[in-house]
């Protein structure tokens, strides 16, 4: 029941939160966002839709910056066409 309520009220899954923390830690360590999102750790745990949701995760946006997220989202949109 808690999982359903968290999705209804906009809270991501536990996996999404773990992936967000990973992305934040790696980018704070100096790695580029695109590089981190191509890690096997991310690719084995998230599909394209989940990666796009990660780019909307408030903590990820705060950590890497809105401009970096927008650039990567534009690149992903181009690849998805």
N, C-alpha and C. Protein backbone atom coordinates (compact mmCIF):
# COMPACT_ATOMS: atom_id res chain seq x y z
N UNK A 1 0.82 -1.20 0.00
CA UNK A 1 0.00 0.00 0.00
C UNK A 1 0.87 1.26 0.00
N UNK A 2 1.97 1.25 0.74
CA UNK A 2 2.84 2.42 0.80
C UNK A 2 3.44 2.72 -0.56
N UNK A 3 3.77 1.67 -1.32
CA UNK A 3 4.33 1.86 -2.66
C UNK A 3 3.35 2.55 -3.59
N UNK A 4 2.10 2.17 -3.51
CA UNK A 4 1.06 2.79 -4.34
C UNK A 4 0.89 4.25 -3.95
N UNK A 5 0.84 4.51 -2.65
CA UNK A 5 0.66 5.89 -2.20
C UNK A 5 1.85 6.77 -2.58
N UNK A 6 3.06 6.21 -2.49
CA UNK A 6 4.23 7.02 -2.83
C UNK A 6 4.23 7.36 -4.31
N UNK A 7 3.77 6.45 -5.16
CA UNK A 7 3.71 6.75 -6.59
C UNK A 7 2.62 7.76 -6.89
N UNK A 8 1.49 7.66 -6.19
CA UNK A 8 0.41 8.62 -6.40
C UNK A 8 0.81 10.03 -6.00
N UNK A 9 1.61 10.14 -4.96
CA UNK A 9 1.98 11.45 -4.46
C UNK A 9 3.35 11.90 -4.94
N UNK A 10 3.87 11.27 -5.98
CA UNK A 10 5.06 11.74 -6.65
C UNK A 10 6.39 11.30 -6.08
N UNK A 11 6.38 10.48 -5.08
CA UNK A 11 7.65 10.01 -4.52
C UNK A 11 8.11 8.82 -5.34
N UNK A 12 9.39 8.81 -5.69
CA UNK A 12 9.95 7.73 -6.50
C UNK A 12 10.12 6.46 -5.71
N UNK A 13 10.49 5.43 -6.41
CA UNK A 13 10.70 4.14 -5.78
C UNK A 13 12.02 4.13 -5.00
N UNK A 14 12.20 3.11 -4.22
CA UNK A 14 13.45 2.96 -3.48
C UNK A 14 14.62 2.84 -4.45
N UNK A 15 14.42 2.09 -5.53
CA UNK A 15 15.48 1.95 -6.53
C UNK A 15 15.85 3.29 -7.11
N UNK A 16 14.85 4.09 -7.42
CA UNK A 16 15.11 5.42 -7.98
C UNK A 16 15.91 6.28 -6.99
N UNK A 17 15.58 6.19 -5.73
CA UNK A 17 16.31 6.96 -4.71
C UNK A 17 17.76 6.49 -4.60
N UNK A 18 17.98 5.18 -4.67
CA UNK A 18 19.33 4.63 -4.61
C UNK A 18 20.13 5.08 -5.83
N UNK A 19 19.52 5.02 -7.00
CA UNK A 19 20.20 5.46 -8.22
C UNK A 19 20.49 6.95 -8.18
N UNK A 20 19.57 7.73 -7.65
CA UNK A 20 19.79 9.17 -7.53
C UNK A 20 20.99 9.45 -6.63
N UNK A 21 21.07 8.75 -5.50
CA UNK A 21 22.21 8.94 -4.59
C UNK A 21 23.52 8.57 -5.29
N UNK A 22 23.50 7.50 -6.08
CA UNK A 22 24.69 7.09 -6.82
C UNK A 22 25.11 8.18 -7.81
N UNK A 23 24.15 8.67 -8.58
CA UNK A 23 24.44 9.72 -9.57
C UNK A 23 25.01 10.96 -8.88
N UNK A 24 24.42 11.35 -7.78
CA UNK A 24 24.89 12.52 -7.03
C UNK A 24 26.31 12.31 -6.53
N UNK A 25 26.57 11.16 -5.94
CA UNK A 25 27.91 10.89 -5.39
C UNK A 25 28.96 10.89 -6.50
N UNK A 26 28.64 10.26 -7.61
CA UNK A 26 29.61 10.16 -8.70
C UNK A 26 29.87 11.52 -9.36
N UNK A 27 28.82 12.32 -9.54
CA UNK A 27 29.03 13.63 -10.16
C UNK A 27 29.75 14.57 -9.20
N UNK A 28 29.47 14.45 -7.92
CA UNK A 28 30.22 15.27 -6.95
C UNK A 28 31.68 14.86 -6.91
N UNK A 29 31.96 13.62 -7.28
CA UNK A 29 33.33 13.14 -7.37
C UNK A 29 34.05 13.58 -8.63
N UNK A 30 33.36 14.34 -9.47
CA UNK A 30 34.00 14.91 -10.64
C UNK A 30 33.65 14.27 -11.97
N UNK A 31 32.82 13.25 -11.96
CA UNK A 31 32.45 12.59 -13.22
C UNK A 31 31.32 13.34 -13.91
N UNK A 32 31.31 13.28 -15.22
CA UNK A 32 30.25 13.91 -16.02
C UNK A 32 28.96 13.10 -15.88
N UNK A 33 27.83 13.81 -15.90
CA UNK A 33 26.53 13.18 -15.75
C UNK A 33 26.31 12.09 -16.80
N UNK A 34 26.59 12.38 -18.03
CA UNK A 34 26.39 11.40 -19.10
C UNK A 34 27.22 10.14 -18.88
N UNK A 35 28.43 10.33 -18.42
CA UNK A 35 29.31 9.20 -18.13
C UNK A 35 28.71 8.32 -17.02
N UNK A 36 28.23 8.97 -15.98
CA UNK A 36 27.64 8.23 -14.85
C UNK A 36 26.41 7.46 -15.31
N UNK A 37 25.56 8.08 -16.12
CA UNK A 37 24.35 7.41 -16.58
C UNK A 37 24.64 6.24 -17.50
N UNK A 38 25.83 6.18 -18.05
CA UNK A 38 26.23 5.06 -18.90
C UNK A 38 26.93 3.95 -18.12
N UNK A 39 27.10 4.12 -16.82
CA UNK A 39 27.71 3.09 -15.97
C UNK A 39 26.87 1.81 -16.00
N UNK A 40 27.52 0.66 -15.95
CA UNK A 40 26.77 -0.60 -15.83
C UNK A 40 25.85 -0.60 -14.61
N UNK A 41 26.28 0.05 -13.52
CA UNK A 41 25.44 0.10 -12.32
C UNK A 41 24.08 0.70 -12.62
N UNK A 42 24.05 1.75 -13.41
CA UNK A 42 22.79 2.40 -13.78
C UNK A 42 22.08 1.57 -14.86
N UNK A 43 22.80 1.19 -15.89
CA UNK A 43 22.19 0.47 -17.02
C UNK A 43 21.56 -0.85 -16.60
N UNK A 44 22.12 -1.51 -15.59
CA UNK A 44 21.57 -2.79 -15.12
C UNK A 44 20.35 -2.62 -14.23
N UNK A 45 20.09 -1.40 -13.79
CA UNK A 45 19.00 -1.17 -12.84
C UNK A 45 17.91 -0.25 -13.34
N UNK A 46 18.13 0.41 -14.49
CA UNK A 46 17.16 1.41 -14.95
C UNK A 46 17.00 1.34 -16.47
N UNK A 47 15.76 1.40 -16.90
CA UNK A 47 15.52 1.51 -18.33
C UNK A 47 15.51 2.98 -18.73
N UNK A 48 15.25 3.26 -19.99
CA UNK A 48 15.29 4.64 -20.49
C UNK A 48 14.32 5.56 -19.74
N UNK A 49 13.13 5.06 -19.46
CA UNK A 49 12.12 5.86 -18.75
C UNK A 49 12.60 6.18 -17.34
N UNK A 50 13.19 5.22 -16.67
CA UNK A 50 13.68 5.45 -15.32
C UNK A 50 14.85 6.43 -15.31
N UNK A 51 15.70 6.36 -16.34
CA UNK A 51 16.80 7.33 -16.44
C UNK A 51 16.23 8.73 -16.63
N UNK A 52 15.22 8.85 -17.47
CA UNK A 52 14.59 10.17 -17.66
C UNK A 52 13.98 10.68 -16.36
N UNK A 53 13.39 9.77 -15.57
CA UNK A 53 12.85 10.19 -14.28
C UNK A 53 13.96 10.64 -13.33
N UNK A 54 15.11 9.98 -13.43
CA UNK A 54 16.25 10.41 -12.61
C UNK A 54 16.61 11.86 -12.91
N UNK A 55 16.48 12.24 -14.18
CA UNK A 55 16.81 13.62 -14.56
C UNK A 55 15.81 14.63 -14.02
N UNK A 56 14.67 14.14 -13.52
CA UNK A 56 13.68 15.02 -12.88
C UNK A 56 13.79 14.98 -11.36
N UNK A 57 14.61 14.09 -10.85
CA UNK A 57 14.76 13.94 -9.39
C UNK A 57 15.34 15.24 -8.83
N UNK A 58 14.66 15.89 -7.90
CA UNK A 58 15.10 17.21 -7.40
C UNK A 58 16.53 17.22 -6.88
N UNK A 59 16.93 16.17 -6.17
CA UNK A 59 18.29 16.15 -5.62
C UNK A 59 19.34 16.02 -6.73
N UNK A 60 19.01 15.27 -7.78
CA UNK A 60 19.94 15.13 -8.91
C UNK A 60 20.08 16.48 -9.61
N UNK A 61 18.96 17.14 -9.86
CA UNK A 61 18.98 18.46 -10.52
C UNK A 61 19.79 19.45 -9.69
N UNK A 62 19.59 19.44 -8.38
CA UNK A 62 20.35 20.34 -7.50
C UNK A 62 21.84 20.04 -7.54
N UNK A 63 22.18 18.76 -7.58
CA UNK A 63 23.59 18.37 -7.52
C UNK A 63 24.34 18.65 -8.81
N UNK A 64 23.72 18.40 -9.94
CA UNK A 64 24.44 18.55 -11.22
C UNK A 64 24.11 19.84 -11.95
N UNK A 65 23.04 20.48 -11.55
CA UNK A 65 22.65 21.74 -12.19
C UNK A 65 21.61 21.53 -13.28
N UNK A 66 20.68 22.43 -13.32
CA UNK A 66 19.60 22.35 -14.29
C UNK A 66 20.08 22.41 -15.73
N UNK A 67 21.14 23.17 -15.99
CA UNK A 67 21.65 23.28 -17.36
C UNK A 67 22.20 21.94 -17.85
N UNK A 68 22.95 21.26 -17.00
CA UNK A 68 23.51 19.96 -17.39
C UNK A 68 22.40 18.96 -17.65
N UNK A 69 21.38 18.97 -16.83
CA UNK A 69 20.24 18.06 -17.01
C UNK A 69 19.52 18.39 -18.32
N UNK A 70 19.30 19.65 -18.59
CA UNK A 70 18.61 20.06 -19.82
C UNK A 70 19.40 19.64 -21.06
N UNK A 71 20.72 19.82 -21.03
CA UNK A 71 21.55 19.41 -22.17
C UNK A 71 21.47 17.91 -22.40
N UNK A 72 21.58 17.15 -21.33
CA UNK A 72 21.54 15.69 -21.47
C UNK A 72 20.16 15.23 -21.92
N UNK A 73 19.12 15.84 -21.39
CA UNK A 73 17.75 15.49 -21.80
C UNK A 73 17.56 15.76 -23.30
N UNK A 74 18.09 16.87 -23.79
CA UNK A 74 17.99 17.19 -25.22
C UNK A 74 18.72 16.14 -26.06
N UNK A 75 19.89 15.72 -25.59
CA UNK A 75 20.64 14.69 -26.31
C UNK A 75 19.87 13.36 -26.33
N UNK A 76 19.28 13.01 -25.20
CA UNK A 76 18.52 11.77 -25.14
C UNK A 76 17.28 11.84 -26.03
N UNK A 77 16.65 13.01 -26.08
CA UNK A 77 15.49 13.18 -26.96
C UNK A 77 15.87 13.00 -28.42
N UNK A 78 17.03 13.53 -28.79
CA UNK A 78 17.51 13.38 -30.17
C UNK A 78 17.78 11.92 -30.50
N UNK A 79 18.37 11.20 -29.56
CA UNK A 79 18.67 9.78 -29.78
C UNK A 79 17.41 8.93 -29.82
N UNK A 80 16.39 9.37 -29.10
CA UNK A 80 15.14 8.62 -29.03
C UNK A 80 14.25 8.78 -30.24
N UNK A 81 14.56 9.72 -31.08
CA UNK A 81 13.72 9.95 -32.27
C UNK A 81 14.01 9.01 -33.37
